[in-house]
N, C-alpha and C. Protein backbone atom coordinates (compact mmCIF):
# COMPACT_ATOMS: atom_id res chain seq x y z
N MET A 1 -20.79 -8.22 63.20
CA MET A 1 -21.39 -7.89 61.94
C MET A 1 -20.40 -7.22 61.01
N TRP A 2 -19.62 -6.25 61.52
CA TRP A 2 -18.60 -5.58 60.72
C TRP A 2 -17.53 -6.55 60.26
N GLU A 3 -17.22 -7.45 61.11
CA GLU A 3 -16.16 -8.43 60.80
C GLU A 3 -16.57 -9.30 59.60
N ILE A 4 -17.82 -9.70 59.56
CA ILE A 4 -18.30 -10.53 58.45
C ILE A 4 -18.27 -9.72 57.15
N ALA A 5 -18.66 -8.47 57.22
CA ALA A 5 -18.65 -7.62 56.03
C ALA A 5 -17.23 -7.43 55.51
N VAL A 6 -16.27 -7.24 56.44
CA VAL A 6 -14.87 -7.06 56.05
C VAL A 6 -14.33 -8.34 55.42
N VAL A 7 -14.68 -9.48 55.98
CA VAL A 7 -14.22 -10.76 55.44
C VAL A 7 -14.82 -10.99 54.04
N VAL A 8 -16.10 -10.69 53.86
CA VAL A 8 -16.75 -10.87 52.55
C VAL A 8 -16.11 -9.94 51.51
N ILE A 9 -15.85 -8.70 51.90
CA ILE A 9 -15.20 -7.75 50.98
C ILE A 9 -13.78 -8.22 50.65
N ALA A 10 -13.06 -8.72 51.63
CA ALA A 10 -11.69 -9.21 51.40
C ALA A 10 -11.71 -10.41 50.47
N ILE A 11 -12.64 -11.32 50.65
CA ILE A 11 -12.74 -12.51 49.79
C ILE A 11 -13.12 -12.08 48.36
N ALA A 12 -14.05 -11.14 48.24
CA ALA A 12 -14.45 -10.66 46.92
C ALA A 12 -13.27 -10.00 46.22
N PHE A 13 -12.50 -9.21 46.95
CA PHE A 13 -11.34 -8.55 46.37
C PHE A 13 -10.30 -9.58 45.94
N LEU A 14 -10.08 -10.59 46.76
CA LEU A 14 -9.12 -11.65 46.44
C LEU A 14 -9.55 -12.39 45.17
N LEU A 15 -10.83 -12.70 45.06
CA LEU A 15 -11.33 -13.38 43.86
C LEU A 15 -11.18 -12.48 42.62
N LEU A 16 -11.44 -11.22 42.80
CA LEU A 16 -11.27 -10.27 41.69
C LEU A 16 -9.82 -10.25 41.22
N VAL A 17 -8.89 -10.19 42.14
CA VAL A 17 -7.46 -10.18 41.79
C VAL A 17 -7.07 -11.48 41.11
N ILE A 18 -7.54 -12.61 41.66
CA ILE A 18 -7.19 -13.92 41.09
C ILE A 18 -7.68 -14.04 39.65
N PHE A 19 -8.88 -13.56 39.36
CA PHE A 19 -9.42 -13.68 38.00
C PHE A 19 -8.88 -12.58 37.07
N THR A 20 -8.41 -11.49 37.60
CA THR A 20 -7.92 -10.39 36.77
C THR A 20 -6.49 -10.63 36.29
N ILE A 21 -5.66 -11.27 37.10
CA ILE A 21 -4.25 -11.47 36.75
C ILE A 21 -4.08 -12.20 35.42
N PRO A 22 -4.72 -13.34 35.16
CA PRO A 22 -4.54 -14.00 33.84
C PRO A 22 -4.97 -13.10 32.67
N SER A 23 -6.03 -12.35 32.87
CA SER A 23 -6.48 -11.45 31.80
C SER A 23 -5.43 -10.38 31.52
N LEU A 24 -4.87 -9.81 32.54
CA LEU A 24 -3.83 -8.79 32.36
C LEU A 24 -2.59 -9.36 31.70
N LEU A 25 -2.22 -10.58 32.08
CA LEU A 25 -1.08 -11.23 31.44
C LEU A 25 -1.34 -11.48 29.95
N GLN A 26 -2.56 -11.89 29.64
CA GLN A 26 -2.92 -12.12 28.23
C GLN A 26 -2.90 -10.81 27.45
N ILE A 27 -3.38 -9.75 28.04
CA ILE A 27 -3.37 -8.44 27.38
C ILE A 27 -1.93 -8.00 27.13
N ARG A 28 -1.05 -8.23 28.10
CA ARG A 28 0.36 -7.85 27.92
C ARG A 28 0.99 -8.64 26.77
N ASP A 29 0.73 -9.96 26.73
CA ASP A 29 1.27 -10.78 25.64
C ASP A 29 0.72 -10.33 24.28
N SER A 30 -0.56 -10.02 24.24
CA SER A 30 -1.16 -9.56 22.99
C SER A 30 -0.56 -8.23 22.54
N ALA A 31 -0.28 -7.35 23.48
CA ALA A 31 0.33 -6.06 23.14
C ALA A 31 1.73 -6.26 22.58
N LYS A 32 2.50 -7.20 23.15
CA LYS A 32 3.83 -7.49 22.62
C LYS A 32 3.75 -8.03 21.20
N GLU A 33 2.82 -8.95 20.96
CA GLU A 33 2.66 -9.50 19.61
C GLU A 33 2.22 -8.42 18.63
N LEU A 34 1.34 -7.54 19.07
CA LEU A 34 0.89 -6.45 18.21
C LEU A 34 2.05 -5.52 17.87
N GLU A 35 2.90 -5.23 18.82
CA GLU A 35 4.05 -4.38 18.57
C GLU A 35 4.99 -5.02 17.54
N PHE A 36 5.24 -6.32 17.69
CA PHE A 36 6.09 -7.04 16.74
C PHE A 36 5.46 -7.02 15.34
N THR A 37 4.16 -7.26 15.27
CA THR A 37 3.47 -7.27 13.98
C THR A 37 3.52 -5.90 13.32
N LEU A 38 3.35 -4.84 14.10
CA LEU A 38 3.41 -3.50 13.55
C LEU A 38 4.80 -3.16 13.02
N LYS A 39 5.84 -3.62 13.71
CA LYS A 39 7.20 -3.40 13.21
C LYS A 39 7.39 -4.08 11.87
N GLU A 40 6.94 -5.33 11.77
CA GLU A 40 7.06 -6.05 10.50
C GLU A 40 6.25 -5.35 9.40
N PHE A 41 5.06 -4.88 9.76
CA PHE A 41 4.21 -4.19 8.79
C PHE A 41 4.88 -2.92 8.29
N ARG A 42 5.49 -2.17 9.18
CA ARG A 42 6.19 -0.94 8.76
C ARG A 42 7.34 -1.26 7.82
N GLU A 43 8.11 -2.31 8.14
CA GLU A 43 9.23 -2.68 7.28
C GLU A 43 8.73 -3.11 5.90
N THR A 44 7.68 -3.90 5.89
CA THR A 44 7.11 -4.35 4.63
C THR A 44 6.57 -3.17 3.84
N LEU A 45 5.93 -2.24 4.52
CA LEU A 45 5.38 -1.06 3.86
C LEU A 45 6.49 -0.21 3.25
N LYS A 46 7.63 -0.11 3.94
CA LYS A 46 8.77 0.63 3.38
C LYS A 46 9.25 -0.04 2.10
N LYS A 47 9.33 -1.37 2.12
CA LYS A 47 9.77 -2.10 0.92
C LYS A 47 8.78 -1.91 -0.22
N VAL A 48 7.49 -1.97 0.10
CA VAL A 48 6.46 -1.78 -0.92
C VAL A 48 6.56 -0.38 -1.50
N ASN A 49 6.81 0.60 -0.63
CA ASN A 49 6.93 1.98 -1.10
C ASN A 49 8.10 2.13 -2.07
N VAL A 50 9.21 1.45 -1.79
CA VAL A 50 10.37 1.50 -2.69
C VAL A 50 10.00 0.89 -4.05
N VAL A 51 9.30 -0.23 -4.01
CA VAL A 51 8.90 -0.89 -5.26
C VAL A 51 7.93 0.00 -6.04
N VAL A 52 7.00 0.65 -5.32
CA VAL A 52 6.05 1.54 -5.99
C VAL A 52 6.79 2.71 -6.64
N GLU A 53 7.78 3.25 -5.94
CA GLU A 53 8.57 4.34 -6.52
C GLU A 53 9.28 3.88 -7.79
N GLU A 54 9.84 2.67 -7.75
CA GLU A 54 10.53 2.14 -8.93
C GLU A 54 9.54 1.95 -10.09
N ILE A 55 8.36 1.44 -9.76
CA ILE A 55 7.34 1.25 -10.80
C ILE A 55 6.93 2.59 -11.37
N ASP A 56 6.76 3.57 -10.48
CA ASP A 56 6.38 4.91 -10.92
C ASP A 56 7.42 5.48 -11.87
N GLN A 57 8.69 5.34 -11.51
CA GLN A 57 9.76 5.84 -12.39
C GLN A 57 9.76 5.10 -13.72
N SER A 58 9.55 3.79 -13.66
CA SER A 58 9.51 3.01 -14.91
C SER A 58 8.35 3.44 -15.79
N VAL A 59 7.20 3.68 -15.17
CA VAL A 59 6.03 4.11 -15.94
C VAL A 59 6.29 5.48 -16.56
N LYS A 60 6.89 6.38 -15.79
CA LYS A 60 7.19 7.71 -16.34
C LYS A 60 8.17 7.61 -17.50
N THR A 61 9.22 6.80 -17.33
CA THR A 61 10.19 6.62 -18.39
C THR A 61 9.54 5.99 -19.62
N GLY A 62 8.72 4.96 -19.37
CA GLY A 62 8.02 4.31 -20.48
C GLY A 62 7.08 5.27 -21.19
N SER A 63 6.42 6.11 -20.41
CA SER A 63 5.51 7.09 -21.01
C SER A 63 6.26 8.07 -21.90
N LYS A 64 7.40 8.56 -21.41
CA LYS A 64 8.20 9.49 -22.22
C LYS A 64 8.68 8.81 -23.50
N THR A 65 9.13 7.57 -23.36
CA THR A 65 9.62 6.83 -24.53
C THR A 65 8.51 6.61 -25.53
N LEU A 66 7.33 6.23 -25.02
CA LEU A 66 6.21 6.01 -25.94
C LEU A 66 5.77 7.30 -26.62
N ARG A 67 5.83 8.42 -25.91
CA ARG A 67 5.49 9.70 -26.55
C ARG A 67 6.48 10.03 -27.67
N LYS A 68 7.77 9.80 -27.40
CA LYS A 68 8.79 10.04 -28.43
C LYS A 68 8.55 9.12 -29.63
N LEU A 69 8.24 7.86 -29.34
CA LEU A 69 7.98 6.90 -30.40
C LEU A 69 6.75 7.32 -31.19
N ASP A 70 5.74 7.79 -30.50
CA ASP A 70 4.52 8.23 -31.18
C ASP A 70 4.83 9.41 -32.11
N ARG A 71 5.62 10.37 -31.62
CA ARG A 71 5.99 11.51 -32.47
C ARG A 71 6.80 11.05 -33.68
N THR A 72 7.71 10.10 -33.44
CA THR A 72 8.52 9.59 -34.54
C THR A 72 7.65 8.88 -35.57
N LEU A 73 6.72 8.07 -35.09
CA LEU A 73 5.83 7.36 -36.01
C LEU A 73 4.93 8.33 -36.77
N GLU A 74 4.48 9.38 -36.09
CA GLU A 74 3.67 10.39 -36.79
C GLU A 74 4.49 11.06 -37.90
N ALA A 75 5.75 11.36 -37.59
CA ALA A 75 6.61 11.97 -38.62
C ALA A 75 6.82 11.00 -39.78
N MET A 76 7.04 9.72 -39.45
CA MET A 76 7.23 8.73 -40.52
C MET A 76 5.95 8.55 -41.32
N GLU A 77 4.82 8.60 -40.62
CA GLU A 77 3.55 8.45 -41.31
C GLU A 77 3.33 9.62 -42.28
N GLN A 78 3.68 10.81 -41.84
CA GLN A 78 3.54 11.97 -42.72
C GLN A 78 4.51 11.88 -43.90
N THR A 79 5.69 11.31 -43.63
CA THR A 79 6.68 11.21 -44.69
C THR A 79 6.32 10.12 -45.69
N PHE A 80 5.94 8.94 -45.21
CA PHE A 80 5.75 7.79 -46.11
C PHE A 80 4.30 7.49 -46.44
N GLY A 81 3.37 8.14 -45.78
CA GLY A 81 1.95 7.89 -46.07
C GLY A 81 1.28 7.09 -44.96
N THR A 82 -0.03 7.24 -44.93
CA THR A 82 -0.83 6.65 -43.85
C THR A 82 -0.95 5.14 -43.95
N SER A 83 -1.11 4.61 -45.13
CA SER A 83 -1.40 3.19 -45.28
C SER A 83 -0.27 2.29 -44.78
N SER A 84 0.98 2.71 -44.95
CA SER A 84 2.10 1.86 -44.55
C SER A 84 2.19 1.70 -43.04
N PHE A 85 1.88 2.75 -42.30
CA PHE A 85 2.11 2.73 -40.85
C PHE A 85 0.85 2.59 -40.02
N LYS A 86 -0.27 2.39 -40.67
CA LYS A 86 -1.52 2.28 -39.92
C LYS A 86 -1.49 1.06 -38.99
N LEU A 87 -0.94 -0.04 -39.44
CA LEU A 87 -0.89 -1.26 -38.63
C LEU A 87 0.01 -1.08 -37.39
N VAL A 88 1.06 -0.27 -37.52
CA VAL A 88 1.99 -0.07 -36.41
C VAL A 88 1.44 0.94 -35.41
N THR A 89 0.87 2.01 -35.91
CA THR A 89 0.45 3.10 -35.01
C THR A 89 -0.83 2.78 -34.26
N LYS A 90 -1.68 1.93 -34.79
CA LYS A 90 -2.94 1.63 -34.12
C LYS A 90 -2.74 1.03 -32.72
N PRO A 91 -1.93 -0.04 -32.55
CA PRO A 91 -1.71 -0.57 -31.18
C PRO A 91 -1.00 0.44 -30.28
N LEU A 92 -0.06 1.19 -30.83
CA LEU A 92 0.67 2.17 -30.01
C LEU A 92 -0.24 3.29 -29.53
N THR A 93 -1.21 3.66 -30.32
CA THR A 93 -2.16 4.70 -29.91
C THR A 93 -2.93 4.24 -28.68
N GLY A 94 -3.34 2.98 -28.66
CA GLY A 94 -4.04 2.44 -27.48
C GLY A 94 -3.17 2.45 -26.24
N ILE A 95 -1.91 2.11 -26.41
CA ILE A 95 -0.98 2.12 -25.27
C ILE A 95 -0.79 3.54 -24.78
N LEU A 96 -0.61 4.47 -25.69
CA LEU A 96 -0.41 5.87 -25.30
C LEU A 96 -1.65 6.44 -24.61
N GLU A 97 -2.83 6.02 -25.05
CA GLU A 97 -4.04 6.51 -24.41
C GLU A 97 -4.18 5.96 -22.99
N ALA A 98 -3.63 4.78 -22.73
CA ALA A 98 -3.72 4.17 -21.40
C ALA A 98 -2.70 4.74 -20.42
N MET A 99 -1.64 5.35 -20.89
CA MET A 99 -0.57 5.84 -20.02
C MET A 99 -1.05 6.85 -18.97
N PRO A 100 -1.89 7.82 -19.29
CA PRO A 100 -2.34 8.73 -18.23
C PRO A 100 -3.09 8.02 -17.11
N VAL A 101 -3.85 7.01 -17.47
CA VAL A 101 -4.58 6.24 -16.45
C VAL A 101 -3.59 5.50 -15.55
N ILE A 102 -2.57 4.91 -16.15
CA ILE A 102 -1.56 4.18 -15.37
C ILE A 102 -0.81 5.15 -14.46
N LEU A 103 -0.44 6.32 -14.98
CA LEU A 103 0.26 7.32 -14.17
C LEU A 103 -0.62 7.80 -13.01
N SER A 104 -1.89 8.03 -13.27
CA SER A 104 -2.80 8.48 -12.22
C SER A 104 -2.94 7.42 -11.14
N ALA A 105 -3.09 6.16 -11.55
CA ALA A 105 -3.22 5.08 -10.57
C ALA A 105 -1.96 4.96 -9.74
N SER A 106 -0.81 5.12 -10.36
CA SER A 106 0.45 5.05 -9.64
C SER A 106 0.55 6.18 -8.61
N LYS A 107 0.14 7.39 -8.98
CA LYS A 107 0.18 8.53 -8.05
C LYS A 107 -0.77 8.33 -6.89
N ILE A 108 -1.97 7.85 -7.17
CA ILE A 108 -2.96 7.61 -6.12
C ILE A 108 -2.45 6.55 -5.15
N TYR A 109 -1.88 5.46 -5.67
CA TYR A 109 -1.37 4.40 -4.81
C TYR A 109 -0.21 4.91 -3.95
N ARG A 110 0.65 5.74 -4.54
CA ARG A 110 1.78 6.30 -3.79
C ARG A 110 1.28 7.17 -2.65
N LYS A 111 0.28 8.00 -2.90
CA LYS A 111 -0.29 8.85 -1.84
C LYS A 111 -0.91 7.99 -0.75
N TYR A 112 -1.58 6.91 -1.14
CA TYR A 112 -2.19 6.00 -0.17
C TYR A 112 -1.13 5.36 0.71
N ILE A 113 -0.03 4.91 0.11
CA ILE A 113 1.06 4.27 0.86
C ILE A 113 1.69 5.27 1.80
N LYS A 114 1.91 6.51 1.36
CA LYS A 114 2.56 7.50 2.21
C LYS A 114 1.70 7.86 3.41
N ARG A 115 0.37 7.79 3.27
CA ARG A 115 -0.50 8.10 4.40
C ARG A 115 -0.46 7.02 5.46
N ARG A 116 -0.09 5.82 5.11
CA ARG A 116 -0.08 4.69 6.05
C ARG A 116 1.12 4.73 6.89
């Protein structure tokens, strides 16, 4: 009676091992692929971060330039009168009003990228 129980347990263990080995091999292969994918993702994320930094610097520079231009146009408007420069200052005012939103979005995106 004991012998039959030992044989049944041995056969069950053998079947368990036979069916578990392919699963473990597949898990190992999947882990290797995941590691490779994560390396590529990190490299891509670093490149994206560099591009975001460049965009951020460009937006800051553009914002400063537009502020200077706005001050210059205001001075010219005061010097030469409102009617002459109304057509020029109206589009620039819209751009200047949008700059804080662009800067905020850039900062939020940069923080999001750095957390990843």
